[in-house]
Amino acid sequence: MGEIASRIKLPKVTGYIIAGILLNPDLFHFIPQSFSENTNVITNISLAFITFSVGGTLLLSKLKYLGKTISLITIFEAEFAFLMVTIGSLIVTPWLLPLDHAGWLTVFIPISLLFGVLASPTDPSATLAIAHEFNAKGDVTSTIMGVAAFDDVVGIFNYSIVIVAAGVLIRHQGFEFYTSIAIPFIQIFGAIGVGTLFGFIFNQITSWIKRESEGIFIVILLGLLLVCFGLAKTFNFDELLATMIMGVVVVNFNPNHQKIFKILERYTEQLVFVLFFTISGMQLKFDVLADYYWLVLFFVLFRSVGKFTGTYLGAHISKASPHVKKYTAGGLIPQGGIVIGLALLIKQNPTFDQFSDILLSIIIGATVIHELIGPVIAEYSLKKAGELKVERNV
């Protein structure tokens, strides 16, 4: 299905999700329901690799080179998407989400915050495919690639804060210093500490290895990534932040970091994505999606408004070129990857059982729409910016 999607000029991710939908136990019954209900281990392994790779984009020398334009656009477009979707959801969810005993503090505010935090990340693969196909080059293309690489980081930090705040609201806890301030502080900085520790352990172990075979790197990375993820989960730290920070430490302090991330991309990325997105499609609840499809459309609309507004403001403040102001946001519409991972992680948390199926189904539905319309909008934006060549790459 990934190859079929690629042949018709869609991201492979879209094909993987469709494959998962076709394997969904609610649609056909040759896959038992128990299988899709017991895939948390595979999901967590996939998330560990994905967030480690996200951390691997934060090379300090590269951040300095990219400058303030990409930094400001990243912050503004990610946070405005979060803000617009949160506010929009607060307006529409009371009308479109008629849950039993739903209150503002226990349902509408928490789910709106969670929708908002899932609006920040971008999937750069669709825009990257368009850029490669037409050999696109220029300021807009470079800016899109830089921003898309870093807004996942902003999204993970947003998630780390919001997931704690939403849990506090749902559990009816009043303001207490320990529960409202200390616990979030411990969860975030504990994750940073665990990720830093395992990053340096990985760097030290690989420095001892003289036979730098690719298989050895994969085995050591898999082992330490899973221990890092599991240890953070055991101590109730943010496990995604921990594995991302591990990636940051490796990319900045391991002399073999280029080789390590190339190995990761070559041997594990495709397998991880196939498993991850196919399982995501298998988790889709068709009855839920049918009942709340308006929320899917509103999510896509509010997120797009936030991306375009935030990108323009960030570009304006950084005094970017007119083309960057007008056309960069068009390449930031595709969404997939980490956003589904965050939604699956929310589903694993019993605190959000009342609406986690709704949230996951809406996010998967929105991802399919984003991955269908995203490449079209990206191609149009790059064409208007004058950065596409007429001939396609062979």
Protein backbone atom coordinates (compact mmCIF):
# COMPACT_ATOMS: atom_id res chain seq x y z
CA MET A 1 0.00 0.00 0.00
CA GLY A 2 2.93 2.31 0.65
CA GLU A 3 4.26 1.69 -2.85
CA ILE A 4 0.81 2.19 -4.39
CA ALA A 5 0.48 5.53 -2.59
CA SER A 6 3.94 6.52 -3.81
CA ARG A 7 3.02 5.68 -7.41
CA ILE A 8 0.04 8.06 -7.30
CA LYS A 9 2.20 10.85 -5.83
CA LEU A 10 1.07 10.49 -2.20
CA PRO A 11 3.28 9.95 0.85
CA LYS A 12 3.89 6.30 1.74
CA VAL A 13 2.53 7.10 5.20
CA THR A 14 -0.94 7.47 3.66
CA GLY A 15 -0.65 3.97 2.17
CA TYR A 16 0.41 2.50 5.52
CA ILE A 17 -2.60 4.05 7.28
CA ILE A 18 -4.95 2.74 4.57
CA ALA A 19 -3.40 -0.71 4.98
CA GLY A 20 -4.11 -0.52 8.70
CA ILE A 21 -7.70 0.52 8.02
CA LEU A 22 -8.15 -2.51 5.73
CA LEU A 23 -6.76 -4.72 8.52
CA ASN A 24 -8.96 -3.05 11.15
CA PRO A 25 -10.85 -5.72 13.16
CA ASP A 26 -13.99 -3.55 13.06
CA LEU A 27 -13.99 -3.68 9.25
CA PHE A 28 -12.89 -7.25 8.51
CA HIS A 29 -12.67 -10.02 11.06
CA PHE A 30 -9.64 -12.03 9.98
CA ILE A 31 -7.48 -10.03 12.44
CA PRO A 32 -8.68 -10.67 16.00
CA GLN A 33 -9.67 -7.68 18.14
CA SER A 34 -7.23 -8.83 20.81
CA PHE A 35 -4.30 -8.22 18.44
CA SER A 36 -4.99 -4.49 17.98
CA GLU A 37 -5.66 -4.15 21.71
CA ASN A 38 -2.20 -5.50 22.60
CA THR A 39 0.09 -3.50 20.36
CA ASN A 40 1.38 -1.04 22.98
CA VAL A 41 4.84 -2.64 23.02
CA ILE A 42 5.29 -2.17 19.26
CA THR A 43 3.91 1.37 19.48
CA ASN A 44 6.31 2.29 22.30
CA ILE A 45 9.33 0.84 20.48
CA SER A 46 8.38 2.81 17.37
CA LEU A 47 7.91 6.00 19.38
CA ALA A 48 11.31 5.55 21.02
CA PHE A 49 13.00 5.39 17.61
CA ILE A 50 10.96 8.27 16.17
CA THR A 51 11.60 10.66 19.09
CA PHE A 52 15.29 9.69 19.17
CA SER A 53 15.47 10.66 15.48
CA VAL A 54 13.69 13.95 16.23
CA GLY A 55 16.31 14.70 18.89
CA GLY A 56 18.96 13.88 16.31
CA THR A 57 17.91 16.93 14.28
CA LEU A 58 18.99 19.27 17.08
CA LEU A 59 22.65 19.61 16.15
CA LEU A 60 23.80 22.82 17.84
CA SER A 61 26.04 23.92 14.99
CA LYS A 62 23.12 23.47 12.59
CA LEU A 63 20.82 25.49 14.85
CA LYS A 64 23.30 28.38 14.86
CA TYR A 65 23.59 28.20 11.08
CA LEU A 66 19.84 28.28 10.47
CA GLY A 67 19.53 31.58 12.28
CA LYS A 68 16.63 33.49 13.75
CA THR A 69 14.25 33.29 10.75
CA ILE A 70 13.71 29.55 11.02
CA SER A 71 13.76 29.69 14.85
CA LEU A 72 11.07 32.37 15.03
CA ILE A 73 8.90 30.81 12.33
CA THR A 74 9.12 27.43 14.08
CA ILE A 75 8.05 28.83 17.44
CA PHE A 76 5.26 31.02 16.04
CA GLU A 77 3.75 28.46 13.63
CA ALA A 78 3.84 25.64 16.19
CA GLU A 79 2.42 27.70 19.04
CA PHE A 80 -0.20 29.48 16.92
CA ALA A 81 -1.42 26.10 15.64
CA PHE A 82 -1.65 24.97 19.27
CA LEU A 83 -3.45 28.18 20.27
CA MET A 84 -5.91 28.26 17.36
CA VAL A 85 -6.92 24.62 17.71
CA THR A 86 -7.29 24.93 21.50
CA ILE A 87 -9.49 28.03 21.24
CA GLY A 88 -11.45 26.63 18.30
CA SER A 89 -12.03 23.35 20.14
CA LEU A 90 -13.24 25.20 23.23
CA ILE A 91 -15.85 26.85 21.00
CA VAL A 92 -17.08 23.80 19.07
CA THR A 93 -16.61 20.78 21.39
CA PRO A 94 -19.49 21.69 23.75
CA TRP A 95 -21.80 21.54 20.71
CA LEU A 96 -20.27 18.58 18.88
CA LEU A 97 -19.16 16.37 21.77
CA PRO A 98 -22.29 15.43 23.75
CA LEU A 99 -20.65 13.10 26.27
CA ASP A 100 -22.43 12.00 29.45
CA HIS A 101 -21.55 14.11 32.49
CA ALA A 102 -19.18 16.25 30.42
CA GLY A 103 -18.01 19.39 32.20
CA TRP A 104 -15.64 22.18 31.29
CA LEU A 105 -12.88 21.18 33.72
CA THR A 106 -13.21 17.41 33.22
CA VAL A 107 -13.77 17.16 29.45
CA PHE A 108 -13.96 20.29 27.29
CA ILE A 109 -10.84 22.11 28.51
CA PRO A 110 -8.63 18.96 28.73
CA ILE A 111 -9.64 17.62 25.31
CA SER A 112 -9.24 21.08 23.75
CA LEU A 113 -5.72 21.35 25.19
CA LEU A 114 -4.88 17.88 23.88
CA PHE A 115 -6.27 18.70 20.42
CA GLY A 116 -4.18 21.87 20.50
CA VAL A 117 -0.96 20.12 21.41
CA LEU A 118 -1.50 17.59 18.59
CA ALA A 119 -1.74 20.45 16.07
CA SER A 120 1.87 21.63 16.43
CA PRO A 121 3.92 18.90 14.67
CA THR A 122 4.46 18.76 10.91
CA ASP A 123 5.36 15.83 8.67
CA PRO A 124 8.17 17.03 6.37
CA SER A 125 8.21 13.87 4.24
CA ALA A 126 5.43 14.95 1.85
CA THR A 127 7.00 18.35 1.16
CA LEU A 128 10.44 16.74 0.93
CA ALA A 129 9.10 14.34 -1.72
CA ILE A 130 7.74 17.26 -3.75
CA ALA A 131 11.03 19.14 -3.43
CA HIS A 132 12.99 16.10 -4.65
CA GLU A 133 10.57 15.37 -7.48
CA PHE A 134 10.89 18.86 -8.95
CA ASN A 135 14.44 19.55 -7.72
CA ALA A 136 13.15 22.56 -5.78
CA LYS A 137 15.75 24.99 -4.47
CA GLY A 138 15.46 28.38 -2.81
CA ASP A 139 14.74 30.26 0.42
CA VAL A 140 11.19 28.94 0.79
CA THR A 141 12.23 25.31 0.32
CA SER A 142 15.12 25.64 2.80
CA THR A 143 12.90 27.39 5.34
CA ILE A 144 10.18 24.73 5.10
CA MET A 145 12.70 21.92 5.62
CA GLY A 146 14.29 23.68 8.58
CA VAL A 147 11.00 24.51 10.29
CA ALA A 148 9.50 21.05 9.71
CA ALA A 149 12.55 19.44 11.27
CA PHE A 150 12.26 21.43 14.49
CA ASP A 151 8.56 21.93 15.18
CA ASP A 152 8.26 18.30 16.31
CA VAL A 153 10.58 19.31 19.15
CA VAL A 154 8.27 22.18 20.12
CA GLY A 155 5.32 19.78 19.89
CA ILE A 156 6.94 17.28 22.27
CA PHE A 157 7.71 20.01 24.82
CA ASN A 158 4.12 21.27 24.53
CA TYR A 159 2.85 17.72 25.03
CA SER A 160 5.02 17.22 28.13
CA ILE A 161 3.41 20.22 29.81
CA VAL A 162 -0.18 19.82 28.57
CA ILE A 163 -0.52 16.10 29.39
CA VAL A 164 0.14 16.88 33.07
CA ALA A 165 -2.17 19.92 33.13
CA ALA A 166 -5.01 17.97 31.47
CA GLY A 167 -4.61 15.13 33.97
CA VAL A 168 -4.80 17.53 36.91
CA LEU A 169 -8.06 19.00 35.57
CA ILE A 170 -9.69 15.61 34.96
CA ARG A 171 -8.80 14.29 38.40
CA HIS A 172 -10.55 17.29 40.03
CA GLN A 173 -7.44 18.33 41.88
CA GLY A 174 -7.43 21.85 43.23
CA PHE A 175 -4.32 23.98 43.03
CA GLU A 176 -1.61 22.55 45.22
CA PHE A 177 2.05 23.34 44.84
CA TYR A 178 3.12 19.69 44.72
CA THR A 179 0.52 18.43 42.22
CA SER A 180 0.31 21.56 40.06
CA ILE A 181 3.92 22.78 40.01
CA ALA A 182 6.32 20.23 41.51
CA ILE A 183 5.05 17.10 39.71
CA PRO A 184 5.17 18.65 36.20
CA PHE A 185 8.64 20.03 37.03
CA ILE A 186 9.82 16.59 38.18
CA GLN A 187 8.31 14.82 35.16
CA ILE A 188 9.94 17.15 32.63
CA PHE A 189 13.36 17.57 34.25
CA GLY A 190 13.44 13.93 35.30
CA ALA A 191 12.98 13.00 31.64
CA ILE A 192 15.77 15.37 30.64
CA GLY A 193 18.04 13.77 33.25
CA VAL A 194 17.27 10.19 32.16
CA GLY A 195 17.69 11.05 28.48
CA THR A 196 21.00 12.81 29.13
CA LEU A 197 22.28 9.87 31.19
CA PHE A 198 21.46 7.26 28.54
CA GLY A 199 22.81 9.46 25.76
CA PHE A 200 26.20 9.60 27.48
CA ILE A 201 26.08 5.86 28.30
CA PHE A 202 25.50 5.14 24.60
CA ASN A 203 28.34 7.49 23.62
CA GLN A 204 30.70 5.83 26.09
CA ILE A 205 29.87 2.28 25.02
CA THR A 206 30.25 3.05 21.32
CA SER A 207 33.61 4.73 22.00
CA TRP A 208 34.89 1.39 23.37
CA ILE A 209 33.84 -0.56 20.29
CA LYS A 210 36.65 -0.91 17.79
CA ARG A 211 34.65 -3.07 15.36
CA GLU A 212 32.22 -0.36 14.37
CA SER A 213 29.87 -2.68 12.49
CA GLU A 214 26.39 -1.42 11.72
CA GLY A 215 24.75 -4.39 13.46
CA ILE A 216 26.47 -3.60 16.77
CA PHE A 217 25.27 0.02 16.69
CA ILE A 218 21.66 -1.07 16.03
CA VAL A 219 21.67 -3.64 18.86
CA ILE A 220 23.18 -1.23 21.42
CA LEU A 221 20.87 1.59 20.35
CA LEU A 222 17.77 -0.63 20.54
CA GLY A 223 18.69 -1.89 24.00
CA LEU A 224 19.52 1.48 25.53
CA LEU A 225 16.56 3.25 23.87
CA LEU A 226 14.09 0.76 25.32
CA VAL A 227 15.66 0.89 28.79
CA CYS A 228 15.60 4.71 28.63
CA PHE A 229 11.92 4.69 27.58
CA GLY A 230 10.97 2.06 30.17
CA LEU A 231 12.88 3.68 33.04
CA ALA A 232 11.28 7.05 32.34
CA LYS A 233 7.84 5.40 32.24
CA THR A 234 8.52 3.53 35.50
CA PHE A 235 9.38 6.76 37.35
CA ASN A 236 6.45 8.59 35.69
CA PHE A 237 8.77 10.90 33.74
CA ASP A 238 7.91 11.93 30.19
CA GLU A 239 9.22 9.01 28.15
CA LEU A 240 9.08 10.77 24.76
CA LEU A 241 11.06 13.71 26.08
CA ALA A 242 13.63 11.31 27.59
CA THR A 243 14.28 9.48 24.30
CA MET A 244 14.37 12.76 22.39
CA ILE A 245 16.98 14.19 24.77
CA MET A 246 19.00 10.99 24.34
CA GLY A 247 19.04 11.75 20.60
CA VAL A 248 20.16 15.34 21.30
CA VAL A 249 23.11 14.12 23.41
CA VAL A 250 24.16 11.53 20.80
CA VAL A 251 24.04 13.93 17.84
CA ASN A 252 26.03 16.62 19.66
CA PHE A 253 28.60 14.58 21.59
CA ASN A 254 29.16 11.31 19.69
CA PRO A 255 31.95 11.53 17.09
CA ASN A 256 30.15 8.86 15.03
CA HIS A 257 26.77 10.59 15.12
CA GLN A 258 26.48 10.90 11.34
CA LYS A 259 27.08 7.17 10.86
CA ILE A 260 24.67 6.26 13.66
CA PHE A 261 21.76 8.29 12.31
CA LYS A 262 22.44 7.12 8.74
CA ILE A 263 22.25 3.51 9.97
CA LEU A 264 19.02 4.30 11.78
CA GLU A 265 17.53 5.86 8.65
CA ARG A 266 18.71 3.05 6.36
CA TYR A 267 17.73 -0.02 8.38
CA THR A 268 15.02 0.83 10.89
CA GLU A 269 13.05 3.87 9.73
CA GLN A 270 11.02 2.10 7.02
CA LEU A 271 10.17 -0.86 9.26
CA VAL A 272 9.24 1.40 12.18
CA PHE A 273 6.96 3.52 10.00
CA VAL A 274 5.24 0.50 8.43
CA LEU A 275 4.48 -1.02 11.84
CA PHE A 276 3.60 2.28 13.48
CA PHE A 277 1.19 3.68 10.89
CA THR A 278 -0.41 0.33 10.04
CA ILE A 279 -1.19 -0.23 13.72
CA SER A 280 -2.54 3.34 13.88
CA GLY A 281 -5.01 2.53 11.10
CA MET A 282 -6.05 -0.62 12.96
CA GLN A 283 -6.93 1.52 16.00
CA LEU A 284 -9.42 3.68 14.07
CA LYS A 285 -12.98 3.49 15.39
CA PHE A 286 -15.32 3.92 12.42
CA ASP A 287 -18.43 4.52 14.52
CA VAL A 288 -16.62 7.23 16.47
CA LEU A 289 -15.31 8.88 13.30
CA ALA A 290 -18.82 8.81 11.77
CA ASP A 291 -20.26 10.54 14.83
CA TYR A 292 -17.58 13.22 15.10
CA TYR A 293 -16.43 13.88 11.52
CA TRP A 294 -17.21 17.59 11.95
CA LEU A 295 -14.49 17.75 14.59
CA VAL A 296 -12.02 16.33 12.05
CA LEU A 297 -12.87 19.14 9.60
CA PHE A 298 -12.69 21.81 12.30
CA PHE A 299 -9.32 20.47 13.49
CA VAL A 300 -7.92 20.71 9.95
CA LEU A 301 -9.34 24.23 9.52
CA PHE A 302 -8.17 25.65 12.86
CA ARG A 303 -4.72 24.10 12.48
CA SER A 304 -4.31 25.55 8.97
CA VAL A 305 -5.28 29.03 10.21
CA GLY A 306 -2.74 28.72 13.03
CA LYS A 307 0.05 27.54 10.70
CA PHE A 308 -0.49 30.33 8.17
CA THR A 309 -0.89 33.05 10.81
CA GLY A 310 2.09 31.94 12.90
CA THR A 311 4.35 31.49 9.89
CA TYR A 312 3.55 34.97 8.56
CA LEU A 313 4.14 36.61 11.96
CA GLY A 314 7.40 34.73 12.55
CA ALA A 315 8.66 35.64 9.08
CA HIS A 316 7.56 39.26 9.50
CA ILE A 317 9.30 39.68 12.87
CA SER A 318 12.50 38.08 11.54
CA LYS A 319 12.31 40.31 8.43
CA ALA A 320 12.29 37.39 6.02
CA SER A 321 11.73 37.84 2.29
CA PRO A 322 8.17 38.37 0.94
CA HIS A 323 8.19 34.91 -0.65
CA VAL A 324 9.09 33.26 2.66
CA LYS A 325 6.26 35.18 4.38
CA LYS A 326 3.66 34.19 1.79
CA TYR A 327 4.53 30.64 0.80
CA THR A 328 6.34 28.85 3.65
CA ALA A 329 3.15 27.84 5.48
CA GLY A 330 1.93 25.89 2.46
CA GLY A 331 4.66 23.34 3.02
CA LEU A 332 3.80 22.91 6.71
CA ILE A 333 0.29 21.49 6.28
CA PRO A 334 1.15 17.74 6.00
CA GLN A 335 0.93 15.98 9.35
CA GLY A 336 1.73 12.48 10.51
CA GLY A 337 4.52 10.72 12.35
CA ILE A 338 4.85 11.96 15.89
CA VAL A 339 1.28 13.33 16.16
CA ILE A 340 -0.24 9.85 15.87
CA GLY A 341 2.34 8.61 18.36
CA LEU A 342 1.26 11.24 20.87
CA ALA A 343 -2.40 10.34 20.31
CA LEU A 344 -1.65 6.62 20.83
CA LEU A 345 0.22 7.47 24.03
CA ILE A 346 -2.81 9.43 25.27
CA LYS A 347 -4.97 6.37 24.54
CA GLN A 348 -2.70 4.26 26.76
CA ASN A 349 -3.30 6.64 29.69
CA PRO A 350 -6.40 5.55 31.67
CA THR A 351 -6.93 9.14 32.84
CA PHE A 352 -8.31 9.98 29.39
CA ASP A 353 -10.46 6.87 28.86
CA GLN A 354 -13.65 8.93 28.57
CA PHE A 355 -12.60 10.51 25.27
CA SER A 356 -9.33 8.90 24.12
CA ASP A 357 -11.02 6.83 21.37
CA ILE A 358 -12.67 9.99 20.04
CA LEU A 359 -9.40 11.92 20.11
CA LEU A 360 -7.41 9.15 18.38
CA SER A 361 -10.01 8.61 15.65
CA ILE A 362 -10.22 12.34 14.92
CA ILE A 363 -6.42 12.67 14.75
CA ILE A 364 -6.10 9.68 12.38
CA GLY A 365 -8.91 11.09 10.21
CA ALA A 366 -7.24 14.51 10.15
CA THR A 367 -3.87 12.93 9.33
CA VAL A 368 -5.33 11.20 6.28
CA ILE A 369 -6.78 14.54 5.09
CA HIS A 370 -3.50 16.37 5.79
CA GLU A 371 -1.48 13.75 3.91
CA LEU A 372 -3.87 13.94 0.94
CA ILE A 373 -4.11 17.74 0.61
CA GLY A 374 -0.65 18.55 1.99
CA PRO A 375 1.41 17.56 -1.08
CA VAL A 376 -0.95 19.48 -3.37
CA ILE A 377 -0.69 22.65 -1.27
CA ALA A 378 3.09 22.23 -0.90
CA GLU A 379 3.55 21.89 -4.67
CA TYR A 380 1.35 24.94 -5.31
CA SER A 381 3.27 27.04 -2.76
CA LEU A 382 6.70 26.13 -4.11
CA LYS A 383 5.48 26.77 -7.65
CA LYS A 384 4.18 30.23 -6.70
CA ALA A 385 7.51 30.92 -5.00
CA GLY A 386 9.24 30.12 -8.29
CA GLU A 387 11.36 27.34 -6.82
CA LEU A 388 10.12 24.37 -8.89
CA LYS A 389 11.84 23.35 -12.08
CA VAL A 390 9.60 22.45 -15.01
CA GLU A 391 11.17 19.04 -15.53
CA ARG A 392 10.57 16.28 -13.06
CA ASN A 393 13.50 14.29 -11.69
CA VAL A 394 13.87 10.85 -13.28
